[in-house]
Protein backbone atom coordinates (compact mmCIF):
# COMPACT_ATOMS: atom_id res chain seq x y z
CA MET A 1 106.32 22.91 101.41
CA LEU A 2 105.79 21.60 97.74
CA GLU A 3 102.90 19.27 98.81
CA THR A 4 101.69 20.34 94.88
CA PRO A 5 102.30 20.16 91.93
CA GLN A 6 101.25 24.57 91.17
CA GLU A 7 104.25 24.95 94.27
CA ARG A 8 106.25 23.13 92.41
CA VAL A 9 105.04 24.49 88.72
CA LYS A 10 105.50 28.33 90.17
CA LEU A 11 108.92 27.66 91.52
CA LEU A 12 109.45 26.51 87.86
CA LYS A 13 108.93 29.49 86.32
CA ALA A 14 110.44 31.57 89.53
CA GLY A 15 113.61 30.56 87.02
CA ILE A 16 114.46 26.63 89.79
CA ASP A 17 115.46 23.93 87.97
CA GLY A 18 114.08 19.93 88.23
CA LYS A 19 116.06 19.11 89.90
CA THR A 20 116.81 21.71 92.29
CA ILE A 21 112.81 21.66 93.00
CA GLU A 22 113.34 17.68 93.33
CA LYS A 23 116.00 17.68 96.02
CA LEU A 24 113.65 20.00 98.10
CA TYR A 25 110.70 18.12 97.47
CA ILE A 26 112.27 14.90 98.56
CA SER A 27 113.91 16.66 102.00
CA TYR A 28 110.57 18.54 102.79
CA ASN A 29 109.21 15.35 103.42
CA ASP A 30 111.52 13.35 105.26
CA PHE A 31 112.07 10.83 102.18
CA LYS A 32 115.06 8.74 102.54
CA ILE A 33 117.33 8.35 98.77
CA ILE A 34 118.82 4.60 99.17
CA HIS A 35 121.55 5.79 95.96
CA SER A 36 121.93 2.54 93.56
CA PRO A 37 124.50 2.04 91.12
CA ILE A 38 123.23 -0.86 89.75
CA LEU A 39 119.93 0.65 88.11
CA ILE A 40 121.93 2.58 85.04
CA GLU A 41 125.06 0.99 83.63
CA GLN A 42 123.87 -1.27 80.46
CA VAL A 43 125.37 -4.59 79.89
CA PRO A 44 125.52 -7.36 76.42
CA VAL A 45 123.04 -9.20 76.34
CA ASN A 46 123.26 -12.33 74.34
CA ILE A 47 120.32 -12.32 72.25
CA LYS A 48 119.07 -14.42 69.07
CA GLN A 49 121.91 -12.76 66.27
CA ASN A 50 122.73 -13.04 62.26
CA ASN A 51 125.97 -15.02 61.72
CA ARG A 52 127.54 -10.70 62.06
CA GLY A 53 127.08 -10.94 66.25
CA LYS A 54 124.73 -8.27 65.34
CA ASN A 55 120.75 -8.43 65.85
CA ASN A 56 118.74 -6.90 62.69
CA ARG A 57 118.93 -3.25 62.98
CA GLY A 58 123.05 -4.04 62.62
CA THR A 59 123.42 -3.12 66.54
CA LYS A 60 124.38 -4.96 69.36
CA MET A 61 121.68 -5.60 71.87
CA ARG A 62 121.79 -4.18 75.12
CA ARG A 63 119.88 -4.11 78.85
CA SER A 64 120.66 -2.45 81.80
CA ARG A 65 121.59 -4.05 84.77
CA LEU A 66 117.66 -3.57 86.20
CA GLU A 67 116.12 -5.53 83.48
CA ILE A 68 119.03 -7.92 84.77
CA ILE A 69 119.06 -8.11 88.21
CA ILE A 70 114.31 -8.39 87.29
CA ASP A 71 115.27 -11.43 85.01
CA ILE A 72 116.74 -13.02 87.95
CA LEU A 73 114.76 -12.91 90.72
CA GLU A 74 111.17 -13.56 88.46
CA ALA A 75 113.69 -16.43 87.93
CA GLY A 76 114.07 -17.76 91.56
CA LYS A 77 110.87 -17.23 93.02
CA GLU A 78 110.32 -20.87 93.39
CA GLY A 79 113.62 -21.78 94.00
CA ILE A 80 115.66 -23.11 91.12
CA ASN A 81 119.51 -23.65 90.50
CA LYS A 82 122.53 -21.29 89.20
CA THR A 83 122.55 -23.09 85.97
CA SER A 84 119.01 -22.58 85.25
CA ILE A 85 119.33 -18.34 86.02
CA VAL A 86 122.21 -18.43 83.64
CA TYR A 87 119.67 -20.14 80.87
CA LYS A 88 116.32 -17.67 81.69
CA ALA A 89 118.14 -13.90 82.64
CA ASN A 90 119.91 -15.23 79.27
CA LEU A 91 123.69 -14.45 80.66
CA ASN A 92 126.72 -16.93 81.77
CA PHE A 93 127.97 -17.97 84.15
CA LYS A 94 130.82 -14.97 85.18
CA LEU A 95 128.06 -12.82 85.47
CA ALA A 96 125.54 -14.55 86.34
CA ARG A 97 128.00 -15.24 89.37
CA GLU A 98 128.76 -11.19 90.10
CA TYR A 99 124.83 -10.76 89.83
CA LEU A 100 123.40 -14.13 92.29
CA ASP A 101 126.71 -12.15 94.65
CA LEU A 102 125.42 -8.33 94.82
CA LEU A 103 120.95 -9.93 95.27
CA GLN A 104 122.91 -12.14 98.34
CA GLU A 105 124.78 -8.92 99.95
CA GLN A 106 121.57 -7.02 99.74
CA GLY A 107 119.63 -9.71 100.62
CA LEU A 108 117.43 -9.60 98.09
CA ILE A 109 117.72 -13.63 97.04
CA GLU A 110 119.02 -16.70 99.13
CA ASN A 111 121.65 -19.42 98.22
CA ARG A 112 120.40 -22.28 100.04
CA LEU A 113 122.06 -25.66 99.20
CA ASN A 114 123.16 -24.38 95.59
CA ILE A 115 119.04 -23.45 95.09
CA TYR A 116 118.73 -19.81 94.30
CA ILE A 117 115.43 -18.44 96.18
CA THR A 118 114.22 -14.29 95.48
CA THR A 119 113.57 -12.95 99.41
CA VAL A 120 110.74 -10.95 100.63
CA ASP A 121 112.38 -8.61 100.60
CA GLY A 122 113.36 -9.35 96.73
CA LYS A 123 109.66 -9.85 96.06
CA CYS A 124 109.31 -6.06 97.19
CA PHE A 125 111.82 -5.41 95.44
CA LEU A 126 110.73 -6.98 92.47
CA ASP A 127 108.11 -5.47 91.94
CA LYS A 128 108.87 -1.74 92.24
CA ALA A 129 111.90 -2.28 89.69
CA LYS A 130 109.14 -3.41 87.33
CA SER A 131 107.63 -0.55 87.41
CA VAL A 132 110.25 1.65 86.95
CA SER A 133 111.03 -0.43 84.34
CA LYS A 134 107.78 0.63 82.90
CA ILE A 135 108.41 3.74 83.46
CA GLU A 136 111.90 3.06 81.12
CA ARG A 137 111.04 1.52 78.77
CA ARG A 138 108.13 4.34 78.04
CA GLY A 139 110.82 6.53 77.49
CA GLY A 140 109.36 8.53 80.91
CA GLY A 141 111.66 10.04 83.68
CA LEU A 142 111.12 9.84 87.82
CA ALA A 143 110.92 13.00 88.85
CA PRO A 144 107.17 13.61 87.22
CA HIS A 145 106.59 10.91 89.20
CA LEU A 146 107.41 12.62 92.78
CA TRP A 147 105.23 15.02 91.91
């Protein structure tokens, strides 16, 4: 059931909302969903700012936690110390520590003698996260890609 876009369109025309159809699609196809709140929250970005602490449009720049995680995992591909992560991912030390702890708990990055290295799982996650980030930047949602 729900294998073709036409079947899902029929459900939409019958008045069933997209979220319900998506849940049905996921359950009928035995997909396992991992809920990760790390993809949602926005955090401040330290970018080149004018003398008032704002960008050229007058607003603070922000990036998603996913973008920060991508930056950290990308930096850790070849092995890197915490100070270099702070600079490459444009973070302060407190945020870097929080993200590194989170990524270590998830098994996406390892600390070997104060050198952080992205794990094999971390590299797989990085590839998928980059795809999601591209979709986010285009303003598209994830649901159409399930169809």
